[in-house]
Amino acid sequence: MNAVHHSDFGTAMSGGATQRLTRLAKLAAIIADPINHFHPDHVTAFGLDQDHLTALAKANPIAKRLNAALARKIGVDRLDLGQCATGSDNMFDLVIAPPMQFRSFLLEVTAVRLQKAIRNCVLKADREKVRHLLGDTAYETALREAPFFYTDLAAAIDTYSFDVSADSLMGEGAALTHSYMSSVDPGLAQIFAWRLPADNLSDPVELSDSQRSSFAKLLAAKTPAKVRTPK
């Protein structure tokens, strides 16, 4: 049996281990600063909203105490971070993604979820409205990729009222993503939920094995590092 040198082992492990530690460090930074990283709907304490808490947090001696108090209020301090070790790298990348990439991914999932209704938009004005809401990339995903790769993730509806805001529409993708993450890694799922508007949240639904498999493929293909900002 050939001897394994410590230096060879370190070289082989360093890349993956470093990336994992980087992800964990970014996750820790988000958890430690909910005032600046969680959605305003979840950032209220002492009768103050996010704007007021952010202003107070700029006074460095107060910031740590404010974040600690907020963490206790919403349950960050009770989160079992050991659960987060089970999450895939793609799930980590989603949870720690910058706001625009986070939003873009959820619009892609929304496009997959509403693929039937999107393809059934006959009038050009309706198609352009949907394209404007989703962005070019997500719109093309609904037409060109979803029918071939993600059919079992489609909502069982043939029509949809697209007279909504993009933020409201994003709730369709957020709900599906939250259901998947809750079934795989509840710890990451909770952090993901804190980054969402309150009206985008709903109780997770149970996904079939086939749906979980398809969503894992979608997440791998559209992980936030690969998602382009909607035009």
C-alpha atoms as a PDB file:
ATOM      1  CA  MET A   1       0.000   0.000   0.000  1.00  0.00           C
ATOM      2  CA  ASN A   2       1.394   3.390  -0.961  1.00  0.00           C
ATOM      3  CA  ALA A   3       2.000   5.822   1.854  1.00  0.00           C
ATOM      4  CA  VAL A   4      -0.220   8.888   1.952  1.00  0.00           C
ATOM      5  CA  HIS A   5       1.779  12.002   2.711  1.00  0.00           C
ATOM      6  CA  HIS A   6       0.195  14.650   4.889  1.00  0.00           C
ATOM      7  CA  SER A   7       1.042  17.312   2.319  1.00  0.00           C
ATOM      8  CA  ASP A   8      -0.788  15.387  -0.434  1.00  0.00           C
ATOM      9  CA  PHE A   9      -3.827  14.935   1.791  1.00  0.00           C
ATOM     10  CA  GLY A  10      -3.839  18.622   2.680  1.00  0.00           C
ATOM     11  CA  THR A  11      -3.638  19.614  -0.962  1.00  0.00           C
ATOM     12  CA  ALA A  12      -6.517  17.302  -1.891  1.00  0.00           C
ATOM     13  CA  MET A  13      -8.715  18.543   0.939  1.00  0.00           C
ATOM     14  CA  SER A  14      -7.863  22.231   0.972  1.00  0.00           C
ATOM     15  CA  GLY A  15     -10.003  23.342  -1.963  1.00  0.00           C
ATOM     16  CA  GLY A  16     -13.303  21.799  -0.857  1.00  0.00           C
ATOM     17  CA  ALA A  17     -12.679  22.488   2.813  1.00  0.00           C
ATOM     18  CA  THR A  18     -11.835  26.124   2.140  1.00  0.00           C
ATOM     19  CA  GLN A  19     -15.002  26.631   0.085  1.00  0.00           C
ATOM     20  CA  ARG A  20     -17.093  25.016   2.813  1.00  0.00           C
ATOM     21  CA  LEU A  21     -15.531  27.188   5.508  1.00  0.00           C
ATOM     22  CA  THR A  22     -16.116  30.271   3.355  1.00  0.00           C
ATOM     23  CA  ARG A  23     -19.794  29.376   3.030  1.00  0.00           C
ATOM     24  CA  LEU A  24     -20.099  28.781   6.758  1.00  0.00           C
ATOM     25  CA  ALA A  25     -18.379  32.098   7.498  1.00  0.00           C
ATOM     26  CA  LYS A  26     -20.818  33.952   5.229  1.00  0.00           C
ATOM     27  CA  LEU A  27     -23.734  32.154   6.855  1.00  0.00           C
ATOM     28  CA  ALA A  28     -22.450  33.096  10.297  1.00  0.00           C
ATOM     29  CA  ALA A  29     -22.169  36.737   9.213  1.00  0.00           C
ATOM     30  CA  ILE A  30     -25.810  36.725   8.093  1.00  0.00           C
ATOM     31  CA  ILE A  31     -27.017  35.149  11.327  1.00  0.00           C
ATOM     32  CA  ALA A  32     -24.959  37.558  13.425  1.00  0.00           C
ATOM     33  CA  ASP A  33     -26.446  40.609  11.680  1.00  0.00           C
ATOM     34  CA  PRO A  34     -30.169  40.001  11.097  1.00  0.00           C
ATOM     35  CA  ILE A  35     -30.852  43.747  11.012  1.00  0.00           C
ATOM     36  CA  ASN A  36     -29.005  44.095   7.715  1.00  0.00           C
ATOM     37  CA  HIS A  37     -29.581  40.653   6.192  1.00  0.00           C
ATOM     38  CA  PHE A  38     -33.128  39.533   6.971  1.00  0.00           C
ATOM     39  CA  HIS A  39     -36.238  40.879   5.274  1.00  0.00           C
ATOM     40  CA  PRO A  40     -37.736  43.965   6.963  1.00  0.00           C
ATOM     41  CA  ASP A  41     -40.915  41.994   7.732  1.00  0.00           C
ATOM     42  CA  HIS A  42     -38.917  39.987  10.278  1.00  0.00           C
ATOM     43  CA  VAL A  43     -36.788  42.829  11.564  1.00  0.00           C
ATOM     44  CA  THR A  44     -38.796  44.614  14.224  1.00  0.00           C
ATOM     45  CA  ALA A  45     -38.045  44.978  17.921  1.00  0.00           C
ATOM     46  CA  PHE A  46     -38.903  47.393  20.703  1.00  0.00           C
ATOM     47  CA  GLY A  47     -41.583  48.929  18.478  1.00  0.00           C
ATOM     48  CA  LEU A  48     -38.945  49.942  15.893  1.00  0.00           C
ATOM     49  CA  ASP A  49     -38.840  48.925  12.242  1.00  0.00           C
ATOM     50  CA  GLN A  50     -35.781  47.970  10.198  1.00  0.00           C
ATOM     51  CA  ASP A  51     -34.938  51.546   9.180  1.00  0.00           C
ATOM     52  CA  HIS A  52     -34.800  52.713  12.785  1.00  0.00           C
ATOM     53  CA  LEU A  53     -32.904  49.618  13.947  1.00  0.00           C
ATOM     54  CA  THR A  54     -30.399  50.046  11.121  1.00  0.00           C
ATOM     55  CA  ALA A  55     -29.824  53.651  12.105  1.00  0.00           C
ATOM     56  CA  LEU A  56     -29.279  52.664  15.725  1.00  0.00           C
ATOM     57  CA  ALA A  57     -26.990  49.803  14.719  1.00  0.00           C
ATOM     58  CA  LYS A  58     -24.608  52.261  13.066  1.00  0.00           C
ATOM     59  CA  ALA A  59     -23.567  53.189  16.575  1.00  0.00           C
ATOM     60  CA  ASN A  60     -21.109  50.313  16.978  1.00  0.00           C
ATOM     61  CA  PRO A  61     -21.446  49.845  20.752  1.00  0.00           C
ATOM     62  CA  ILE A  62     -25.184  49.283  20.289  1.00  0.00           C
ATOM     63  CA  ALA A  63     -25.171  47.133  17.151  1.00  0.00           C
ATOM     64  CA  LYS A  64     -24.166  43.852  18.766  1.00  0.00           C
ATOM     65  CA  ARG A  65     -26.756  44.222  21.532  1.00  0.00           C
ATOM     66  CA  LEU A  66     -29.518  45.118  19.080  1.00  0.00           C
ATOM     67  CA  ASN A  67     -28.724  42.135  16.866  1.00  0.00           C
ATOM     68  CA  ALA A  68     -28.588  39.848  19.895  1.00  0.00           C
ATOM     69  CA  ALA A  69     -31.974  41.090  21.104  1.00  0.00           C
ATOM     70  CA  LEU A  70     -33.484  40.668  17.647  1.00  0.00           C
ATOM     71  CA  ALA A  71     -31.975  37.190  17.353  1.00  0.00           C
ATOM     72  CA  ARG A  72     -33.684  36.176  20.590  1.00  0.00           C
ATOM     73  CA  LYS A  73     -36.987  37.700  19.478  1.00  0.00           C
ATOM     74  CA  ILE A  74     -37.247  35.862  16.156  1.00  0.00           C
ATOM     75  CA  GLY A  75     -35.515  32.671  17.274  1.00  0.00           C
ATOM     76  CA  VAL A  76     -32.074  32.858  15.674  1.00  0.00           C
ATOM     77  CA  ASP A  77     -30.472  31.946  18.976  1.00  0.00           C
ATOM     78  CA  ARG A  78     -32.603  28.767  19.118  1.00  0.00           C
ATOM     79  CA  LEU A  79     -31.654  27.641  15.622  1.00  0.00           C
ATOM     80  CA  ASP A  80     -29.912  24.277  15.536  1.00  0.00           C
ATOM     81  CA  LEU A  81     -26.944  25.143  13.357  1.00  0.00           C
ATOM     82  CA  GLY A  82     -25.840  21.529  13.455  1.00  0.00           C
ATOM     83  CA  GLN A  83     -28.658  20.856  10.991  1.00  0.00           C
ATOM     84  CA  CYS A  84     -27.048  23.199   8.489  1.00  0.00           C
ATOM     85  CA  ALA A  85     -24.150  20.801   8.060  1.00  0.00           C
ATOM     86  CA  THR A  86     -26.420  18.507   6.048  1.00  0.00           C
ATOM     87  CA  GLY A  87     -27.248  21.087   3.392  1.00  0.00           C
ATOM     88  CA  SER A  88     -25.802  20.888  -0.095  1.00  0.00           C
ATOM     89  CA  ASP A  89     -23.367  23.501  -1.332  1.00  0.00           C
ATOM     90  CA  ASN A  90     -26.041  24.755  -3.737  1.00  0.00           C
ATOM     91  CA  MET A  91     -28.462  25.309  -0.860  1.00  0.00           C
ATOM     92  CA  PHE A  92     -25.780  27.202   1.027  1.00  0.00           C
ATOM     93  CA  ASP A  93     -25.122  29.344  -2.040  1.00  0.00           C
ATOM     94  CA  LEU A  94     -28.805  30.227  -2.226  1.00  0.00           C
ATOM     95  CA  VAL A  95     -29.157  31.142   1.438  1.00  0.00           C
ATOM     96  CA  ILE A  96     -26.055  33.375   1.419  1.00  0.00           C
ATOM     97  CA  ALA A  97     -26.623  34.836  -2.054  1.00  0.00           C
ATOM     98  CA  PRO A  98     -26.640  38.635  -2.508  1.00  0.00           C
ATOM     99  CA  PRO A  99     -30.180  40.070  -2.690  1.00  0.00           C
ATOM    100  CA  MET A 100     -30.376  40.419  -6.475  1.00  0.00           C
ATOM    101  CA  GLN A 101     -29.154  36.868  -7.122  1.00  0.00           C
ATOM    102  CA  PHE A 102     -31.449  35.547  -4.398  1.00  0.00           C
ATOM    103  CA  ARG A 103     -34.408  37.240  -6.066  1.00  0.00           C
ATOM    104  CA  SER A 104     -33.391  36.132  -9.572  1.00  0.00           C
ATOM    105  CA  PHE A 105     -33.239  32.502  -8.521  1.00  0.00           C
ATOM    106  CA  LEU A 106     -36.712  32.638  -7.001  1.00  0.00           C
ATOM    107  CA  LEU A 107     -38.097  34.167 -10.189  1.00  0.00           C
ATOM    108  CA  GLU A 108     -36.573  31.252 -12.135  1.00  0.00           C
ATOM    109  CA  VAL A 109     -38.301  28.794  -9.806  1.00  0.00           C
ATOM    110  CA  THR A 110     -41.531  30.763 -10.216  1.00  0.00           C
ATOM    111  CA  ALA A 111     -41.209  30.391 -13.988  1.00  0.00           C
ATOM    112  CA  VAL A 112     -40.811  26.634 -13.609  1.00  0.00           C
ATOM    113  CA  ARG A 113     -43.761  26.476 -11.218  1.00  0.00           C
ATOM    114  CA  LEU A 114     -46.077  28.464 -13.527  1.00  0.00           C
ATOM    115  CA  GLN A 115     -44.753  27.040 -16.799  1.00  0.00           C
ATOM    116  CA  LYS A 116     -48.157  25.861 -18.048  1.00  0.00           C
ATOM    117  CA  ALA A 117     -49.866  29.195 -17.452  1.00  0.00           C
ATOM    118  CA  ILE A 118     -46.949  31.063 -19.022  1.00  0.00           C
ATOM    119  CA  ARG A 119     -47.015  28.917 -22.163  1.00  0.00           C
ATOM    120  CA  ASN A 120     -50.778  29.445 -22.375  1.00  0.00           C
ATOM    121  CA  CYS A 121     -50.431  33.229 -22.661  1.00  0.00           C
ATOM    122  CA  VAL A 122     -51.681  33.767 -26.199  1.00  0.00           C
ATOM    123  CA  LEU A 123     -51.848  37.527 -26.520  1.00  0.00           C
ATOM    124  CA  LYS A 124     -48.578  39.319 -27.138  1.00  0.00           C
ATOM    125  CA  ALA A 125     -49.453  41.903 -24.476  1.00  0.00           C
ATOM    126  CA  ASP A 126     -49.854  39.118 -21.894  1.00  0.00           C
ATOM    127  CA  ARG A 127     -46.582  37.500 -22.897  1.00  0.00           C
ATOM    128  CA  GLU A 128     -44.749  40.792 -22.611  1.00  0.00           C
ATOM    129  CA  LYS A 129     -46.301  41.426 -19.195  1.00  0.00           C
ATOM    130  CA  VAL A 130     -45.030  38.065 -17.931  1.00  0.00           C
ATOM    131  CA  ARG A 131     -41.602  38.636 -19.451  1.00  0.00           C
ATOM    132  CA  HIS A 132     -41.419  42.003 -17.726  1.00  0.00           C
ATOM    133  CA  LEU A 133     -42.362  40.480 -14.363  1.00  0.00           C
ATOM    134  CA  LEU A 134     -39.997  37.503 -14.541  1.00  0.00           C
ATOM    135  CA  GLY A 135     -37.121  38.937 -16.563  1.00  0.00           C
ATOM    136  CA  ASP A 136     -35.831  37.503 -19.838  1.00  0.00           C
ATOM    137  CA  THR A 137     -33.866  34.629 -18.321  1.00  0.00           C
ATOM    138  CA  ALA A 138     -36.692  33.215 -16.193  1.00  0.00           C
ATOM    139  CA  TYR A 139     -39.209  33.716 -18.989  1.00  0.00           C
ATOM    140  CA  GLU A 140     -37.049  31.696 -21.396  1.00  0.00           C
ATOM    141  CA  THR A 141     -36.644  29.009 -18.740  1.00  0.00           C
ATOM    142  CA  ALA A 142     -40.419  28.581 -18.631  1.00  0.00           C
ATOM    143  CA  LEU A 143     -40.621  28.170 -22.395  1.00  0.00           C
ATOM    144  CA  ARG A 144     -37.459  26.281 -23.287  1.00  0.00           C
ATOM    145  CA  GLU A 145     -36.301  24.280 -20.261  1.00  0.00           C
ATOM    146  CA  ALA A 146     -39.217  23.645 -17.922  1.00  0.00           C
ATOM    147  CA  PRO A 147     -41.309  21.540 -20.374  1.00  0.00           C
ATOM    148  CA  PHE A 148     -38.406  19.147 -20.866  1.00  0.00           C
ATOM    149  CA  PHE A 149     -36.633  18.973 -17.517  1.00  0.00           C
ATOM    150  CA  TYR A 150     -38.991  20.132 -14.757  1.00  0.00           C
ATOM    151  CA  THR A 151     -42.509  19.068 -15.692  1.00  0.00           C
ATOM    152  CA  ASP A 152     -43.213  17.493 -12.296  1.00  0.00           C
ATOM    153  CA  LEU A 153     -42.562  20.847 -10.581  1.00  0.00           C
ATOM    154  CA  ALA A 154     -45.332  22.574 -12.532  1.00  0.00           C
ATOM    155  CA  ALA A 155     -48.398  23.785 -10.661  1.00  0.00           C
ATOM    156  CA  ALA A 156     -51.573  22.004 -11.699  1.00  0.00           C
ATOM    157  CA  ILE A 157     -53.082  25.146 -13.199  1.00  0.00           C
ATOM    158  CA  ASP A 158     -53.391  26.197 -16.826  1.00  0.00           C
ATOM    159  CA  THR A 159     -54.092  29.879 -16.246  1.00  0.00           C
ATOM    160  CA  TYR A 160     -52.848  32.479 -13.795  1.00  0.00           C
ATOM    161  CA  SER A 161     -53.606  36.132 -13.183  1.00  0.00           C
ATOM    162  CA  PHE A 162     -50.361  37.965 -13.796  1.00  0.00           C
ATOM    163  CA  ASP A 163     -51.824  41.296 -12.674  1.00  0.00           C
ATOM    164  CA  VAL A 164     -49.490  41.248  -9.678  1.00  0.00           C
ATOM    165  CA  SER A 165     -46.141  42.698  -8.681  1.00  0.00           C
ATOM    166  CA  ALA A 166     -42.931  40.788  -9.264  1.00  0.00           C
ATOM    167  CA  ASP A 167     -42.491  40.499  -5.491  1.00  0.00           C
ATOM    168  CA  SER A 168     -45.897  38.877  -5.133  1.00  0.00           C
ATOM    169  CA  LEU A 169     -45.292  36.583  -8.096  1.00  0.00           C
ATOM    170  CA  MET A 170     -41.972  35.541  -6.572  1.00  0.00           C
ATOM    171  CA  GLY A 171     -43.955  33.939  -3.763  1.00  0.00           C
ATOM    172  CA  GLU A 172     -44.778  31.006  -6.052  1.00  0.00           C
ATOM    173  CA  GLY A 173     -41.103  30.145  -6.385  1.00  0.00           C
ATOM    174  CA  ALA A 174     -40.398  30.917  -2.747  1.00  0.00           C
ATOM    175  CA  ALA A 175     -43.068  28.456  -1.566  1.00  0.00           C
ATOM    176  CA  LEU A 176     -41.705  25.617  -3.681  1.00  0.00           C
ATOM    177  CA  THR A 177     -38.134  26.350  -2.636  1.00  0.00           C
ATOM    178  CA  HIS A 178     -39.089  26.523   1.033  1.00  0.00           C
ATOM    179  CA  SER A 179     -40.892  23.172   0.807  1.00  0.00           C
ATOM    180  CA  TYR A 180     -37.843  21.541  -0.746  1.00  0.00           C
ATOM    181  CA  MET A 181     -35.390  23.022   1.726  1.00  0.00           C
ATOM    182  CA  SER A 182     -37.582  22.114   4.699  1.00  0.00           C
ATOM    183  CA  SER A 183     -37.517  18.484   3.608  1.00  0.00           C
ATOM    184  CA  VAL A 184     -33.738  18.448   3.237  1.00  0.00           C
ATOM    185  CA  ASP A 185     -32.315  20.843   5.823  1.00  0.00           C
ATOM    186  CA  PRO A 186     -34.689  22.584   8.263  1.00  0.00           C
ATOM    187  CA  GLY A 187     -31.913  24.822   9.612  1.00  0.00           C
ATOM    188  CA  LEU A 188     -31.084  26.350   6.239  1.00  0.00           C
ATOM    189  CA  ALA A 189     -34.796  26.468   5.408  1.00  0.00           C
ATOM    190  CA  GLN A 190     -35.453  28.713   8.411  1.00  0.00           C
ATOM    191  CA  ILE A 191     -32.664  31.131   7.477  1.00  0.00           C
ATOM    192  CA  PHE A 192     -33.994  31.139   3.917  1.00  0.00           C
ATOM    193  CA  ALA A 193     -37.468  32.014   5.259  1.00  0.00           C
ATOM    194  CA  TRP A 194     -36.138  34.994   7.218  1.00  0.00           C
ATOM    195  CA  ARG A 195     -34.864  36.471   3.966  1.00  0.00           C
ATOM    196  CA  LEU A 196     -38.342  36.410   2.431  1.00  0.00           C
ATOM    197  CA  PRO A 197     -41.244  38.853   2.709  1.00  0.00           C
ATOM    198  CA  ALA A 198     -43.813  37.557   5.180  1.00  0.00           C
ATOM    199  CA  ASP A 199     -46.473  37.248   2.471  1.00  0.00           C
ATOM    200  CA  ASN A 200     -44.167  34.951   0.464  1.00  0.00           C
ATOM    201  CA  LEU A 201     -44.183  32.415   3.291  1.00  0.00           C
ATOM    202  CA  SER A 202     -46.555  29.496   3.643  1.00  0.00           C
ATOM    203  CA  ASP A 203     -46.455  26.148   5.388  1.00  0.00           C
ATOM    204  CA  PRO A 204     -44.168  23.709   3.545  1.00  0.00           C
ATOM    205  CA  VAL A 205     -45.924  21.028   1.511  1.00  0.00           C
ATOM    206  CA  GLU A 206     -44.640  17.496   1.131  1.00  0.00           C
ATOM    207  CA  LEU A 207     -42.878  16.876  -2.164  1.00  0.00           C
ATOM    208  CA  SER A 208     -42.653  13.506  -3.867  1.00  0.00           C
ATOM    209  CA  ASP A 209     -39.283  11.828  -4.358  1.00  0.00           C
ATOM    210  CA  SER A 210     -39.493  12.737  -8.036  1.00  0.00           C
ATOM    211  CA  GLN A 211     -40.166  16.400  -7.237  1.00  0.00           C
ATOM    212  CA  ARG A 212     -37.284  16.563  -4.774  1.00  0.00           C
ATOM    213  CA  SER A 213     -35.000  15.032  -7.376  1.00  0.00           C
ATOM    214  CA  SER A 214     -36.138  17.514 -10.023  1.00  0.00           C
ATOM    215  CA  PHE A 215     -35.738  20.452  -7.673  1.00  0.00           C
ATOM    216  CA  ALA A 216     -32.213  19.345  -6.767  1.00  0.00           C
ATOM    217  CA  LYS A 217     -31.391  19.373 -10.486  1.00  0.00           C
ATOM    218  CA  LEU A 218     -32.987  22.806 -10.856  1.00  0.00           C
ATOM    219  CA  LEU A 219     -31.006  24.123  -7.911  1.00  0.00           C
ATOM    220  CA  ALA A 220     -27.775  22.732  -9.355  1.00  0.00           C
ATOM    221  CA  ALA A 221     -28.491  24.286 -12.753  1.00  0.00           C
ATOM    222  CA  LYS A 222     -29.721  27.635 -11.471  1.00  0.00           C
ATOM    223  CA  THR A 223     -27.700  28.052  -8.288  1.00  0.00           C
ATOM    224  CA  PRO A 224     -27.372  31.790  -7.551  1.00  0.00           C
ATOM    225  CA  ALA A 225     -23.723  31.893  -8.664  1.00  0.00           C
ATOM    226  CA  LYS A 226     -24.978  31.005 -12.164  1.00  0.00           C
ATOM    227  CA  VAL A 227     -28.115  33.145 -12.268  1.00  0.00           C
ATOM    228  CA  ARG A 228     -28.015  36.336 -14.289  1.00  0.00           C
ATOM    229  CA  THR A 229     -29.767  39.424 -13.012  1.00  0.00           C
ATOM    230  CA  PRO A 230     -33.071  39.907 -14.903  1.00  0.00           C
ATOM    231  CA  LYS A 231     -32.843  42.463 -17.707  1.00  0.00           C
END
